[in-house]
Amino acid sequence: MSRRFDFNRRQFFPNPIDLGPEGEQVFLLLFGTGIRGRAALANVAVTIGVVNSVNAPVSFAGAQGGFVGLDQVNALLPRALIGRGEVDLVLTADGKPSNAVRISIR
């Protein structure tokens, strides 16, 4: 995810993710550690938003393959997120939540 710097506020903001036209699928790739040790893929969840939260279906959670110790999660961004703007995302593996990450949806 790329970010832009607002020179007036002296702060970085996430660039909005465009989910494209109807029928397109957009996957968000997340990277971290300790995810490959989960008991089952069904135990990995991506929750987006605090109010009216949406679950993003996870299609893969395991070793990244190119970097030793790095894990990857592929999550489909639901079209219900269109127009939400900045929202928090939390990845949970075997009941252990990550820190919230802020993303922006166009």
N, C-alpha and C. Protein backbone atom coordinates (compact mmCIF):
# COMPACT_ATOMS: atom_id res chain seq x y z
N MET A 1 0.85 -1.17 0.00
CA MET A 1 0.00 0.00 0.00
C MET A 1 0.89 1.23 0.00
N SER A 2 0.57 2.16 -0.84
CA SER A 2 1.35 3.38 -0.88
C SER A 2 0.69 4.45 -0.01
N ARG A 3 1.51 5.41 0.36
CA ARG A 3 1.00 6.51 1.19
C ARG A 3 1.40 7.83 0.55
N ARG A 4 0.68 8.87 0.89
CA ARG A 4 1.03 10.20 0.43
C ARG A 4 1.29 11.08 1.64
N PHE A 5 2.17 12.05 1.47
CA PHE A 5 2.51 12.95 2.56
C PHE A 5 1.79 14.27 2.35
N ASP A 6 1.04 14.70 3.36
CA ASP A 6 0.36 16.00 3.33
C ASP A 6 1.30 17.00 3.99
N PHE A 7 1.89 17.89 3.18
CA PHE A 7 2.88 18.83 3.70
C PHE A 7 2.25 19.84 4.66
N ASN A 8 0.98 20.20 4.46
CA ASN A 8 0.32 21.16 5.35
C ASN A 8 0.13 20.57 6.74
N ARG A 9 -0.27 19.30 6.81
CA ARG A 9 -0.50 18.66 8.12
C ARG A 9 0.71 17.89 8.61
N ARG A 10 1.75 17.77 7.76
CA ARG A 10 2.98 17.06 8.09
C ARG A 10 2.70 15.65 8.58
N GLN A 11 1.92 14.93 7.75
CA GLN A 11 1.48 13.59 8.13
C GLN A 11 1.29 12.74 6.87
N PHE A 12 1.56 11.41 7.00
CA PHE A 12 1.31 10.48 5.91
C PHE A 12 -0.13 9.98 5.97
N PHE A 13 -0.74 9.78 4.80
CA PHE A 13 -2.08 9.23 4.69
C PHE A 13 -2.06 8.11 3.65
N PRO A 14 -2.86 7.06 3.85
CA PRO A 14 -2.89 5.97 2.85
C PRO A 14 -3.57 6.43 1.57
N ASN A 15 -3.00 6.01 0.42
CA ASN A 15 -3.68 6.25 -0.85
C ASN A 15 -4.88 5.33 -0.94
N PRO A 16 -6.02 5.82 -1.43
CA PRO A 16 -7.22 4.97 -1.51
C PRO A 16 -7.04 3.80 -2.46
N ILE A 17 -7.57 2.65 -2.07
CA ILE A 17 -7.58 1.46 -2.90
C ILE A 17 -8.85 1.49 -3.74
N ASP A 18 -8.69 1.40 -5.06
CA ASP A 18 -9.83 1.40 -5.98
C ASP A 18 -10.25 -0.05 -6.22
N LEU A 19 -11.48 -0.39 -5.91
CA LEU A 19 -11.96 -1.75 -6.08
C LEU A 19 -12.41 -2.04 -7.51
N GLY A 20 -12.30 -1.05 -8.40
CA GLY A 20 -12.57 -1.27 -9.82
C GLY A 20 -14.05 -1.44 -10.13
N PRO A 21 -14.32 -1.76 -11.39
CA PRO A 21 -15.71 -1.92 -11.82
C PRO A 21 -16.32 -3.23 -11.30
N GLU A 22 -17.63 -3.29 -11.36
CA GLU A 22 -18.38 -4.49 -10.95
C GLU A 22 -17.80 -5.71 -11.65
N GLY A 23 -17.61 -6.79 -10.90
CA GLY A 23 -17.08 -8.03 -11.46
C GLY A 23 -15.58 -8.21 -11.24
N GLU A 24 -14.86 -7.13 -10.94
CA GLU A 24 -13.43 -7.25 -10.64
C GLU A 24 -13.22 -7.67 -9.20
N GLN A 25 -12.12 -8.37 -8.96
CA GLN A 25 -11.75 -8.76 -7.60
C GLN A 25 -10.42 -8.11 -7.26
N VAL A 26 -10.34 -7.54 -6.07
CA VAL A 26 -9.10 -6.92 -5.60
C VAL A 26 -8.68 -7.63 -4.33
N PHE A 27 -7.45 -8.13 -4.33
CA PHE A 27 -6.90 -8.82 -3.16
C PHE A 27 -5.90 -7.93 -2.47
N LEU A 28 -5.95 -7.90 -1.16
CA LEU A 28 -4.99 -7.18 -0.35
C LEU A 28 -3.99 -8.21 0.18
N LEU A 29 -2.70 -7.95 -0.03
CA LEU A 29 -1.67 -8.84 0.46
C LEU A 29 -1.06 -8.24 1.72
N LEU A 30 -1.11 -9.02 2.78
CA LEU A 30 -0.58 -8.59 4.07
C LEU A 30 0.63 -9.45 4.41
N PHE A 31 1.62 -8.85 5.07
CA PHE A 31 2.83 -9.57 5.43
C PHE A 31 3.08 -9.43 6.92
N GLY A 32 3.57 -10.51 7.52
CA GLY A 32 3.86 -10.51 8.95
C GLY A 32 4.64 -11.75 9.31
N THR A 33 4.68 -12.05 10.60
CA THR A 33 5.37 -13.25 11.07
C THR A 33 4.47 -14.01 12.02
N GLY A 34 4.73 -15.31 12.15
CA GLY A 34 3.98 -16.14 13.08
C GLY A 34 2.64 -16.63 12.57
N ILE A 35 2.29 -16.28 11.36
CA ILE A 35 0.97 -16.64 10.82
C ILE A 35 0.94 -18.09 10.34
N ARG A 36 2.06 -18.57 9.80
CA ARG A 36 2.10 -19.93 9.26
C ARG A 36 1.85 -20.98 10.33
N GLY A 37 2.01 -20.64 11.61
CA GLY A 37 1.81 -21.58 12.70
C GLY A 37 0.35 -21.76 13.09
N ARG A 38 -0.56 -21.12 12.36
CA ARG A 38 -2.00 -21.22 12.71
C ARG A 38 -2.46 -22.67 12.58
N ALA A 39 -3.50 -23.01 13.32
CA ALA A 39 -4.02 -24.38 13.32
C ALA A 39 -4.69 -24.74 11.99
N ALA A 40 -5.41 -23.78 11.39
CA ALA A 40 -6.12 -24.02 10.12
C ALA A 40 -6.35 -22.68 9.42
N LEU A 41 -6.50 -22.70 8.11
CA LEU A 41 -6.77 -21.48 7.36
C LEU A 41 -8.04 -20.80 7.87
N ALA A 42 -9.01 -21.59 8.30
CA ALA A 42 -10.27 -21.04 8.81
C ALA A 42 -10.05 -20.22 10.09
N ASN A 43 -8.90 -20.37 10.73
CA ASN A 43 -8.60 -19.63 11.96
C ASN A 43 -7.92 -18.29 11.68
N VAL A 44 -7.80 -17.92 10.41
CA VAL A 44 -7.23 -16.64 10.03
C VAL A 44 -8.35 -15.76 9.49
N ALA A 45 -8.50 -14.58 10.07
CA ALA A 45 -9.58 -13.67 9.67
C ALA A 45 -9.02 -12.26 9.48
N VAL A 46 -9.60 -11.56 8.52
CA VAL A 46 -9.28 -10.15 8.30
C VAL A 46 -10.58 -9.38 8.47
N THR A 47 -10.61 -8.49 9.44
CA THR A 47 -11.79 -7.68 9.73
C THR A 47 -11.47 -6.23 9.39
N ILE A 48 -12.35 -5.61 8.62
CA ILE A 48 -12.13 -4.24 8.18
C ILE A 48 -13.26 -3.36 8.70
N GLY A 49 -12.87 -2.28 9.39
CA GLY A 49 -13.82 -1.33 9.94
C GLY A 49 -14.21 -1.66 11.36
N VAL A 50 -14.50 -0.63 12.13
CA VAL A 50 -14.92 -0.81 13.52
C VAL A 50 -16.44 -0.81 13.57
N VAL A 51 -17.05 0.22 12.99
CA VAL A 51 -18.51 0.30 12.90
C VAL A 51 -18.91 -0.40 11.60
N ASN A 52 -19.89 -1.26 11.66
CA ASN A 52 -20.31 -2.04 10.48
C ASN A 52 -19.12 -2.77 9.86
N SER A 53 -18.41 -3.51 10.69
CA SER A 53 -17.22 -4.21 10.21
C SER A 53 -17.57 -5.24 9.14
N VAL A 54 -16.61 -5.48 8.25
CA VAL A 54 -16.77 -6.41 7.15
C VAL A 54 -15.62 -7.41 7.22
N ASN A 55 -15.93 -8.68 7.04
CA ASN A 55 -14.88 -9.70 6.99
C ASN A 55 -14.42 -9.86 5.55
N ALA A 56 -13.10 -9.85 5.36
CA ALA A 56 -12.52 -10.05 4.04
C ALA A 56 -12.11 -11.52 3.95
N PRO A 57 -12.68 -12.28 3.02
CA PRO A 57 -12.34 -13.70 2.90
C PRO A 57 -10.85 -13.91 2.66
N VAL A 58 -10.25 -14.81 3.44
CA VAL A 58 -8.82 -15.12 3.33
C VAL A 58 -8.67 -16.36 2.46
N SER A 59 -7.90 -16.24 1.37
CA SER A 59 -7.69 -17.37 0.47
C SER A 59 -6.34 -18.05 0.69
N PHE A 60 -5.42 -17.36 1.36
CA PHE A 60 -4.10 -17.94 1.63
C PHE A 60 -3.53 -17.31 2.88
N ALA A 61 -2.88 -18.12 3.72
CA ALA A 61 -2.15 -17.63 4.89
C ALA A 61 -1.04 -18.64 5.16
N GLY A 62 0.20 -18.23 4.86
CA GLY A 62 1.32 -19.13 5.05
C GLY A 62 2.64 -18.47 4.72
N ALA A 63 3.66 -19.30 4.55
CA ALA A 63 5.00 -18.80 4.26
C ALA A 63 5.00 -18.02 2.95
N GLN A 64 5.68 -16.89 2.93
CA GLN A 64 5.74 -16.03 1.75
C GLN A 64 6.52 -16.68 0.62
N GLY A 65 7.56 -17.39 0.93
CA GLY A 65 8.29 -18.12 -0.09
C GLY A 65 9.59 -17.49 -0.52
N GLY A 66 9.69 -16.19 -0.58
CA GLY A 66 10.90 -15.52 -1.04
C GLY A 66 11.81 -15.05 0.07
N PHE A 67 11.26 -14.89 1.27
CA PHE A 67 12.04 -14.39 2.40
C PHE A 67 11.84 -15.31 3.60
N VAL A 68 12.92 -15.77 4.17
CA VAL A 68 12.87 -16.68 5.31
C VAL A 68 12.16 -16.00 6.48
N GLY A 69 11.16 -16.69 7.05
CA GLY A 69 10.46 -16.18 8.22
C GLY A 69 9.31 -15.24 7.94
N LEU A 70 9.13 -14.83 6.69
CA LEU A 70 8.05 -13.89 6.36
C LEU A 70 6.81 -14.66 5.92
N ASP A 71 5.67 -14.29 6.48
CA ASP A 71 4.40 -14.92 6.14
C ASP A 71 3.54 -13.94 5.34
N GLN A 72 2.63 -14.49 4.54
CA GLN A 72 1.76 -13.69 3.69
C GLN A 72 0.31 -14.12 3.88
N VAL A 73 -0.58 -13.15 3.84
CA VAL A 73 -2.02 -13.40 3.88
C VAL A 73 -2.65 -12.70 2.68
N ASN A 74 -3.45 -13.43 1.89
CA ASN A 74 -4.18 -12.86 0.77
C ASN A 74 -5.65 -12.77 1.15
N ALA A 75 -6.19 -11.57 1.13
CA ALA A 75 -7.59 -11.35 1.51
C ALA A 75 -8.33 -10.62 0.39
N LEU A 76 -9.51 -11.11 0.04
CA LEU A 76 -10.35 -10.47 -0.98
C LEU A 76 -11.09 -9.29 -0.34
N LEU A 77 -10.95 -8.11 -0.95
CA LEU A 77 -11.64 -6.94 -0.43
C LEU A 77 -13.08 -6.93 -0.96
N PRO A 78 -14.07 -7.05 -0.05
CA PRO A 78 -15.47 -7.08 -0.48
C PRO A 78 -15.92 -5.74 -1.07
N ARG A 79 -16.78 -5.79 -2.05
CA ARG A 79 -17.29 -4.58 -2.70
C ARG A 79 -18.14 -3.75 -1.75
N ALA A 80 -18.57 -4.33 -0.64
CA ALA A 80 -19.34 -3.58 0.36
C ALA A 80 -18.51 -2.47 0.98
N LEU A 81 -17.20 -2.48 0.76
CA LEU A 81 -16.32 -1.46 1.33
C LEU A 81 -16.24 -0.20 0.47
N ILE A 82 -16.78 -0.24 -0.75
CA ILE A 82 -16.67 0.92 -1.65
C ILE A 82 -17.21 2.17 -0.97
N GLY A 83 -16.39 3.23 -1.01
CA GLY A 83 -16.78 4.52 -0.45
C GLY A 83 -16.56 4.67 1.04
N ARG A 84 -15.99 3.68 1.70
CA ARG A 84 -15.81 3.74 3.16
C ARG A 84 -14.74 4.74 3.59
N GLY A 85 -13.80 5.06 2.71
CA GLY A 85 -12.72 5.97 3.12
C GLY A 85 -11.73 5.23 4.02
N GLU A 86 -11.19 5.93 5.01
CA GLU A 86 -10.20 5.34 5.90
C GLU A 86 -10.87 4.44 6.93
N VAL A 87 -10.37 3.21 7.02
CA VAL A 87 -10.91 2.23 7.97
C VAL A 87 -9.74 1.45 8.58
N ASP A 88 -9.98 0.89 9.75
CA ASP A 88 -8.98 0.06 10.41
C ASP A 88 -9.13 -1.38 9.97
N LEU A 89 -8.00 -2.07 9.85
CA LEU A 89 -7.96 -3.47 9.46
C LEU A 89 -7.23 -4.23 10.56
N VAL A 90 -7.81 -5.36 10.99
CA VAL A 90 -7.18 -6.22 11.99
C VAL A 90 -7.12 -7.64 11.46
N LEU A 91 -5.94 -8.22 11.51
CA LEU A 91 -5.73 -9.61 11.13
C LEU A 91 -5.72 -10.44 12.42
N THR A 92 -6.48 -11.52 12.43
CA THR A 92 -6.52 -12.40 13.60
C THR A 92 -6.13 -13.81 13.17
N ALA A 93 -5.18 -14.40 13.89
CA ALA A 93 -4.75 -15.77 13.61
C ALA A 93 -4.83 -16.56 14.91
N ASP A 94 -5.61 -17.65 14.89
CA ASP A 94 -5.83 -18.47 16.07
C ASP A 94 -6.25 -17.64 17.28
N GLY A 95 -7.12 -16.66 17.04
CA GLY A 95 -7.67 -15.84 18.12
C GLY A 95 -6.76 -14.72 18.60
N LYS A 96 -5.59 -14.57 18.00
CA LYS A 96 -4.65 -13.51 18.41
C LYS A 96 -4.69 -12.38 17.39
N PRO A 97 -5.20 -11.21 17.80
CA PRO A 97 -5.32 -10.09 16.85
C PRO A 97 -4.00 -9.33 16.67
N SER A 98 -3.84 -8.79 15.48
CA SER A 98 -2.70 -7.91 15.20
C SER A 98 -3.05 -6.50 15.68
N ASN A 99 -2.08 -5.63 15.60
CA ASN A 99 -2.36 -4.21 15.78
C ASN A 99 -3.20 -3.77 14.59
N ALA A 100 -4.03 -2.77 14.78
CA ALA A 100 -4.85 -2.25 13.68
C ALA A 100 -3.97 -1.49 12.69
N VAL A 101 -4.30 -1.66 11.40
CA VAL A 101 -3.63 -0.96 10.32
C VAL A 101 -4.70 -0.14 9.61
N ARG A 102 -4.39 1.10 9.29
CA ARG A 102 -5.36 1.97 8.62
C ARG A 102 -5.17 1.87 7.10
N ILE A 103 -6.28 1.58 6.40
CA ILE A 103 -6.28 1.56 4.94
C ILE A 103 -7.38 2.52 4.48
N SER A 104 -7.36 2.85 3.21
CA SER A 104 -8.37 3.73 2.65
C SER A 104 -8.98 3.08 1.42
N ILE A 105 -10.30 3.09 1.35
CA ILE A 105 -11.02 2.49 0.24
C ILE A 105 -11.75 3.58 -0.52
N ARG A 106 -11.53 3.62 -1.84
CA ARG A 106 -12.19 4.62 -2.67
C ARG A 106 -13.62 4.21 -2.93
